[in-house]
Amino acid sequence: MLKKIIGESAFKLSGWTYEVKPDVLEKKQVIVGFEHTSMMDAVLSLALFQIYDLKIHTLIKKELFKGPMKPILDAVGGIPVDRQSSKDIVQQMAEHFAANDKFNLVIAPEATRAKRGEARKPIRTGFWYIAKAAGVPIVLMYANSHTKKGGIFGKIYPTDLDHDLALLKNLYKENTGLDIIIPEPKNNS
C-alpha cells in the first residue's frame, strides 16, 4: 500500500496523469516505453510500476555490478549483461523468461531520444527479438511530455518483425499521439 501511495504521489507532484488499460499486463512480458525525452520518464515509469506492484527487471552492463553498486542494482531488478558471452543477449533473456514464473523485462529502446539539434533515428529492435525468442507479448507503455500523460495501453504478440513494427507505430500514433520512427522493412523475422 505504501508503494502505491508513493507512486501516486510522484504523479500528483509532477502534474502528470496515467492510465493502465485493464487486462494488458501478464505474468511474463517485455515492456517497451516510448517516448524517452528526459529522466522524468524513468522516474514516472518506476512510480507506475510501484502503483501496480510490478517487479521489473532491466538490462545493465555487467561491469557496473561491482562493489557497493551490486546490491543496489540487484534491488532495482538489474540484470547484468555480458556482452562478451558466447550467448547473445536475446538468448540470455529468453533463458531468464524460461526460468521464472513471473518476469517483466523493461526496455527503453535506443534511439527514442535525440540529442539537441539531431534528427531522431529509427528505434532499435532488440526488444522484439527478445519477446519473440521468449514467446511473450510486448506491452506498450508511453510517456507524452507534451500532454503530461503516460501509461500502459496495449500489447502485441511478436510474429513478423516488419508487420509488428508497423503495427507498433500505428498503435502509438492512434493511442498516444506519439510518432515513433521505425527501421525500413527488411522482410525477415
C-alpha atoms as a PDB file:
ATOM      1  CA  MET A   1       0.000   0.000   0.000  1.00  0.00           C
ATOM      2  CA  LEU A   2       2.860   2.395   0.819  1.00  0.00           C
ATOM      3  CA  LYS A   3       4.445   1.764  -2.597  1.00  0.00           C
ATOM      4  CA  LYS A   4       1.158   2.673  -4.279  1.00  0.00           C
ATOM      5  CA  ILE A   5       0.846   5.896  -2.270  1.00  0.00           C
ATOM      6  CA  ILE A   6       4.429   6.888  -3.106  1.00  0.00           C
ATOM      7  CA  GLY A   7       3.874   6.108  -6.796  1.00  0.00           C
ATOM      8  CA  GLU A   8       0.637   8.085  -6.976  1.00  0.00           C
ATOM      9  CA  SER A   9       2.303  10.994  -5.156  1.00  0.00           C
ATOM     10  CA  ALA A  10       5.048  11.129  -7.805  1.00  0.00           C
ATOM     11  CA  PHE A  11       2.411  11.610 -10.499  1.00  0.00           C
ATOM     12  CA  LYS A  12       0.484  14.187  -8.493  1.00  0.00           C
ATOM     13  CA  LEU A  13       3.601  16.229  -7.677  1.00  0.00           C
ATOM     14  CA  SER A  14       4.811  16.179 -11.274  1.00  0.00           C
ATOM     15  CA  GLY A  15       1.453  17.186 -12.741  1.00  0.00           C
ATOM     16  CA  TRP A  16       1.306  14.039 -14.872  1.00  0.00           C
ATOM     17  CA  THR A  17      -1.586  11.589 -15.133  1.00  0.00           C
ATOM     18  CA  TYR A  18      -1.501   7.908 -16.013  1.00  0.00           C
ATOM     19  CA  GLU A  19      -3.805   5.216 -17.287  1.00  0.00           C
ATOM     20  CA  VAL A  20      -3.323   1.475 -17.474  1.00  0.00           C
ATOM     21  CA  LYS A  21      -5.784  -0.348 -19.700  1.00  0.00           C
ATOM     22  CA  PRO A  22      -7.305  -3.375 -17.947  1.00  0.00           C
ATOM     23  CA  ASP A  23      -6.153  -6.867 -18.857  1.00  0.00           C
ATOM     24  CA  VAL A  24      -2.966  -5.719 -20.606  1.00  0.00           C
ATOM     25  CA  LEU A  25      -0.417  -6.937 -18.081  1.00  0.00           C
ATOM     26  CA  GLU A  26       0.518 -10.613 -17.949  1.00  0.00           C
ATOM     27  CA  LYS A  27       2.804 -12.765 -15.803  1.00  0.00           C
ATOM     28  CA  LYS A  28       5.619 -12.537 -18.362  1.00  0.00           C
ATOM     29  CA  GLN A  29       6.220  -9.679 -20.814  1.00  0.00           C
ATOM     30  CA  VAL A  30       8.668  -7.314 -22.409  1.00  0.00           C
ATOM     31  CA  ILE A  31       7.539  -3.777 -21.590  1.00  0.00           C
ATOM     32  CA  VAL A  32       8.717  -1.103 -24.020  1.00  0.00           C
ATOM     33  CA  GLY A  33       8.446   2.592 -23.373  1.00  0.00           C
ATOM     34  CA  PHE A  34       8.277   5.473 -25.809  1.00  0.00           C
ATOM     35  CA  GLU A  35       8.965   8.349 -25.939  1.00  0.00           C
ATOM     36  CA  HIS A  36      12.034   8.778 -23.775  1.00  0.00           C
ATOM     37  CA  THR A  37      12.594  12.523 -23.513  1.00  0.00           C
ATOM     38  CA  SER A  38      14.021  13.015 -20.020  1.00  0.00           C
ATOM     39  CA  MET A  39      14.951  11.300 -16.772  1.00  0.00           C
ATOM     40  CA  MET A  40      11.436  12.177 -15.554  1.00  0.00           C
ATOM     41  CA  ASP A  41      10.146   9.415 -17.864  1.00  0.00           C
ATOM     42  CA  ALA A  42      12.174   6.874 -15.891  1.00  0.00           C
ATOM     43  CA  VAL A  43      11.016   8.252 -12.537  1.00  0.00           C
ATOM     44  CA  LEU A  44       7.359   8.140 -13.582  1.00  0.00           C
ATOM     45  CA  SER A  45       7.768   4.662 -15.057  1.00  0.00           C
ATOM     46  CA  LEU A  46       9.147   3.418 -11.749  1.00  0.00           C
ATOM     47  CA  ALA A  47       6.255   5.134  -9.949  1.00  0.00           C
ATOM     48  CA  LEU A  48       3.763   3.382 -12.239  1.00  0.00           C
ATOM     49  CA  PHE A  49       5.368   0.005 -11.552  1.00  0.00           C
ATOM     50  CA  GLN A  50       5.080   0.722  -7.807  1.00  0.00           C
ATOM     51  CA  ILE A  51       1.383   1.575  -8.131  1.00  0.00           C
ATOM     52  CA  TYR A  52       0.728  -1.766  -9.837  1.00  0.00           C
ATOM     53  CA  ASP A  53       3.150  -3.690  -7.600  1.00  0.00           C
ATOM     54  CA  LEU A  54       5.046  -4.869 -10.656  1.00  0.00           C
ATOM     55  CA  LYS A  55       8.535  -6.242 -10.067  1.00  0.00           C
ATOM     56  CA  ILE A  56      10.593  -5.235 -13.054  1.00  0.00           C
ATOM     57  CA  HIS A  57      13.969  -6.089 -14.496  1.00  0.00           C
ATOM     58  CA  THR A  58      16.159  -4.135 -16.846  1.00  0.00           C
ATOM     59  CA  LEU A  59      19.414  -4.785 -18.678  1.00  0.00           C
ATOM     60  CA  ILE A  60      22.580  -3.237 -17.247  1.00  0.00           C
ATOM     61  CA  LYS A  61      26.146  -3.915 -18.350  1.00  0.00           C
ATOM     62  CA  LYS A  62      27.812  -6.410 -16.006  1.00  0.00           C
ATOM     63  CA  GLU A  63      30.780  -4.146 -15.317  1.00  0.00           C
ATOM     64  CA  LEU A  64      28.562  -1.972 -13.096  1.00  0.00           C
ATOM     65  CA  PHE A  65      27.745  -4.897 -10.769  1.00  0.00           C
ATOM     66  CA  LYS A  66      30.815  -4.383  -8.582  1.00  0.00           C
ATOM     67  CA  GLY A  67      31.361  -3.176  -5.039  1.00  0.00           C
ATOM     68  CA  PRO A  68      28.611  -1.121  -3.427  1.00  0.00           C
ATOM     69  CA  MET A  69      26.666  -0.812  -6.701  1.00  0.00           C
ATOM     70  CA  LYS A  70      25.893  -4.544  -6.913  1.00  0.00           C
ATOM     71  CA  PRO A  71      23.267  -4.712  -4.128  1.00  0.00           C
ATOM     72  CA  ILE A  72      21.636  -1.508  -5.373  1.00  0.00           C
ATOM     73  CA  LEU A  73      21.411  -2.754  -8.958  1.00  0.00           C
ATOM     74  CA  ASP A  74      20.147  -6.137  -7.770  1.00  0.00           C
ATOM     75  CA  ALA A  75      17.477  -4.431  -5.653  1.00  0.00           C
ATOM     76  CA  VAL A  76      16.140  -2.412  -8.591  1.00  0.00           C
ATOM     77  CA  GLY A  77      15.917  -5.506 -10.811  1.00  0.00           C
ATOM     78  CA  GLY A  78      19.085  -5.022 -12.785  1.00  0.00           C
ATOM     79  CA  ILE A  79      20.251  -7.946 -14.887  1.00  0.00           C
ATOM     80  CA  PRO A  80      23.976  -7.996 -15.617  1.00  0.00           C
ATOM     81  CA  VAL A  81      24.557  -8.324 -19.347  1.00  0.00           C
ATOM     82  CA  ASP A  82      27.780  -9.914 -20.524  1.00  0.00           C
ATOM     83  CA  ARG A  83      28.375  -8.512 -23.979  1.00  0.00           C
ATOM     84  CA  GLN A  84      31.357 -10.835 -24.446  1.00  0.00           C
ATOM     85  CA  SER A  85      29.374 -14.003 -23.676  1.00  0.00           C
ATOM     86  CA  SER A  86      29.101 -16.772 -26.236  1.00  0.00           C
ATOM     87  CA  LYS A  87      25.341 -16.465 -25.750  1.00  0.00           C
ATOM     88  CA  ASP A  88      23.810 -13.356 -27.238  1.00  0.00           C
ATOM     89  CA  ILE A  89      21.579 -11.089 -25.157  1.00  0.00           C
ATOM     90  CA  VAL A  90      18.423 -12.426 -26.806  1.00  0.00           C
ATOM     91  CA  GLN A  91      19.306 -15.979 -25.735  1.00  0.00           C
ATOM     92  CA  GLN A  92      20.289 -14.823 -22.236  1.00  0.00           C
ATOM     93  CA  MET A  93      16.924 -13.054 -21.766  1.00  0.00           C
ATOM     94  CA  ALA A  94      14.923 -15.977 -23.214  1.00  0.00           C
ATOM     95  CA  GLU A  95      16.582 -18.154 -20.540  1.00  0.00           C
ATOM     96  CA  HIS A  96      15.549 -15.668 -17.813  1.00  0.00           C
ATOM     97  CA  PHE A  97      11.943 -15.809 -19.021  1.00  0.00           C
ATOM     98  CA  ALA A  98      12.006 -19.620 -19.106  1.00  0.00           C
ATOM     99  CA  ALA A  99      13.441 -19.852 -15.577  1.00  0.00           C
ATOM    100  CA  ASN A 100      10.784 -17.646 -13.925  1.00  0.00           C
ATOM    101  CA  ASP A 101       7.033 -17.940 -13.346  1.00  0.00           C
ATOM    102  CA  LYS A 102       6.735 -14.142 -13.470  1.00  0.00           C
ATOM    103  CA  PHE A 103       9.135 -11.910 -15.332  1.00  0.00           C
ATOM    104  CA  ASN A 104       8.823  -8.302 -16.532  1.00  0.00           C
ATOM    105  CA  LEU A 105      11.658  -7.000 -18.663  1.00  0.00           C
ATOM    106  CA  VAL A 106      11.502  -3.238 -19.196  1.00  0.00           C
ATOM    107  CA  ILE A 107      13.343  -1.733 -22.156  1.00  0.00           C
ATOM    108  CA  ALA A 108      13.502   1.843 -23.399  1.00  0.00           C
ATOM    109  CA  PRO A 109      14.773   1.088 -26.905  1.00  0.00           C
ATOM    110  CA  GLU A 110      17.737   3.083 -28.100  1.00  0.00           C
ATOM    111  CA  ALA A 111      17.049   5.963 -30.491  1.00  0.00           C
ATOM    112  CA  THR A 112      13.896   7.055 -28.694  1.00  0.00           C
ATOM    113  CA  ARG A 113      15.548  10.324 -27.714  1.00  0.00           C
ATOM    114  CA  ALA A 114      17.587  12.611 -29.966  1.00  0.00           C
ATOM    115  CA  LYS A 115      20.341  14.867 -28.752  1.00  0.00           C
ATOM    116  CA  ARG A 116      19.670  18.571 -29.115  1.00  0.00           C
ATOM    117  CA  GLY A 117      19.727  19.545 -32.776  1.00  0.00           C
ATOM    118  CA  GLU A 118      19.876  15.958 -34.094  1.00  0.00           C
ATOM    119  CA  ALA A 119      17.174  14.197 -36.033  1.00  0.00           C
ATOM    120  CA  ARG A 120      15.636  11.200 -34.298  1.00  0.00           C
ATOM    121  CA  LYS A 121      16.731   7.821 -35.583  1.00  0.00           C
ATOM    122  CA  PRO A 122      14.731   4.617 -36.070  1.00  0.00           C
ATOM    123  CA  ILE A 123      14.205   2.604 -32.894  1.00  0.00           C
ATOM    124  CA  ARG A 124      16.420  -0.370 -32.120  1.00  0.00           C
ATOM    125  CA  THR A 125      14.573  -3.684 -32.302  1.00  0.00           C
ATOM    126  CA  GLY A 126      16.270  -5.900 -29.712  1.00  0.00           C
ATOM    127  CA  PHE A 127      13.106  -5.868 -27.572  1.00  0.00           C
ATOM    128  CA  TRP A 128      11.189  -7.553 -30.413  1.00  0.00           C
ATOM    129  CA  TYR A 129      13.772 -10.341 -30.787  1.00  0.00           C
ATOM    130  CA  ILE A 130      13.769 -10.967 -27.026  1.00  0.00           C
ATOM    131  CA  ALA A 131       9.959 -11.177 -26.860  1.00  0.00           C
ATOM    132  CA  LYS A 132       9.833 -13.433 -29.938  1.00  0.00           C
ATOM    133  CA  ALA A 133      12.511 -15.797 -28.556  1.00  0.00           C
ATOM    134  CA  ALA A 134      10.848 -15.915 -25.129  1.00  0.00           C
ATOM    135  CA  GLY A 135       7.326 -16.345 -26.551  1.00  0.00           C
ATOM    136  CA  VAL A 136       5.955 -13.391 -24.568  1.00  0.00           C
ATOM    137  CA  PRO A 137       3.974 -10.287 -25.525  1.00  0.00           C
ATOM    138  CA  ILE A 138       5.375  -6.810 -25.980  1.00  0.00           C
ATOM    139  CA  VAL A 139       3.478  -4.475 -23.653  1.00  0.00           C
ATOM    140  CA  LEU A 140       3.233  -0.871 -24.827  1.00  0.00           C
ATOM    141  CA  MET A 141       3.995   1.908 -22.367  1.00  0.00           C
ATOM    142  CA  TYR A 142       4.163   5.616 -23.108  1.00  0.00           C
ATOM    143  CA  ALA A 143       5.113   8.989 -21.716  1.00  0.00           C
ATOM    144  CA  ASN A 144       3.939  12.009 -23.698  1.00  0.00           C
ATOM    145  CA  SER A 145       5.743  15.080 -22.365  1.00  0.00           C
ATOM    146  CA  HIS A 146       3.513  17.448 -24.376  1.00  0.00           C
ATOM    147  CA  THR A 147       0.282  16.210 -22.760  1.00  0.00           C
ATOM    148  CA  LYS A 148       1.870  15.088 -19.456  1.00  0.00           C
ATOM    149  CA  LYS A 149       0.092  11.766 -19.780  1.00  0.00           C
ATOM    150  CA  GLY A 150       1.517   8.296 -19.541  1.00  0.00           C
ATOM    151  CA  GLY A 151       0.535   4.720 -19.035  1.00  0.00           C
ATOM    152  CA  ILE A 152       0.191   1.268 -20.481  1.00  0.00           C
ATOM    153  CA  PHE A 153      -2.278   0.930 -23.312  1.00  0.00           C
ATOM    154  CA  GLY A 154      -1.813  -2.294 -25.253  1.00  0.00           C
ATOM    155  CA  LYS A 155       0.239  -5.287 -26.257  1.00  0.00           C
ATOM    156  CA  ILE A 156       1.256  -7.211 -29.319  1.00  0.00           C
ATOM    157  CA  TYR A 157       2.457 -10.759 -29.744  1.00  0.00           C
ATOM    158  CA  PRO A 158       5.530 -10.876 -31.973  1.00  0.00           C
ATOM    159  CA  THR A 159       5.030 -12.664 -35.279  1.00  0.00           C
ATOM    160  CA  ASP A 160       6.784 -10.839 -38.139  1.00  0.00           C
ATOM    161  CA  LEU A 161       9.250  -8.005 -37.493  1.00  0.00           C
ATOM    162  CA  ASP A 162       8.178  -5.657 -40.294  1.00  0.00           C
ATOM    163  CA  HIS A 163       4.468  -6.182 -39.658  1.00  0.00           C
ATOM    164  CA  ASP A 164       4.857  -5.792 -35.892  1.00  0.00           C
ATOM    165  CA  LEU A 165       6.915  -2.598 -36.152  1.00  0.00           C
ATOM    166  CA  ALA A 166       4.324  -1.031 -38.478  1.00  0.00           C
ATOM    167  CA  LEU A 167       1.595  -2.094 -36.043  1.00  0.00           C
ATOM    168  CA  LEU A 168       3.579  -0.664 -33.119  1.00  0.00           C
ATOM    169  CA  LYS A 169       3.993   2.667 -34.927  1.00  0.00           C
ATOM    170  CA  ASN A 170       0.252   2.839 -35.705  1.00  0.00           C
ATOM    171  CA  LEU A 171      -0.806   1.864 -32.178  1.00  0.00           C
ATOM    172  CA  TYR A 172       1.405   4.536 -30.617  1.00  0.00           C
ATOM    173  CA  LYS A 173       0.151   7.201 -33.026  1.00  0.00           C
ATOM    174  CA  GLU A 174      -3.540   6.297 -32.575  1.00  0.00           C
ATOM    175  CA  ASN A 175      -3.475   5.796 -28.788  1.00  0.00           C
ATOM    176  CA  THR A 176      -0.910   8.324 -27.574  1.00  0.00           C
ATOM    177  CA  GLY A 177      -0.263  10.815 -30.367  1.00  0.00           C
ATOM    178  CA  LEU A 178       3.422   9.840 -30.368  1.00  0.00           C
ATOM    179  CA  ASP A 179       5.219   9.302 -33.651  1.00  0.00           C
ATOM    180  CA  ILE A 180       7.951   6.696 -33.319  1.00  0.00           C
ATOM    181  CA  ILE A 181      10.378   6.147 -36.152  1.00  0.00           C
ATOM    182  CA  ILE A 182      10.778   2.538 -37.213  1.00  0.00           C
ATOM    183  CA  PRO A 183      13.523   0.986 -39.351  1.00  0.00           C
ATOM    184  CA  GLU A 184      12.946   0.383 -43.040  1.00  0.00           C
ATOM    185  CA  PRO A 185      11.299  -3.027 -43.687  1.00  0.00           C
ATOM    186  CA  LYS A 186      13.704  -5.963 -44.063  1.00  0.00           C
ATOM    187  CA  ASN A 187      11.126  -8.676 -44.822  1.00  0.00           C
ATOM    188  CA  ASN A 188      12.640 -11.176 -42.383  1.00  0.00           C
ATOM    189  CA  SER A 189      11.542 -12.272 -38.925  1.00  0.00           C
END
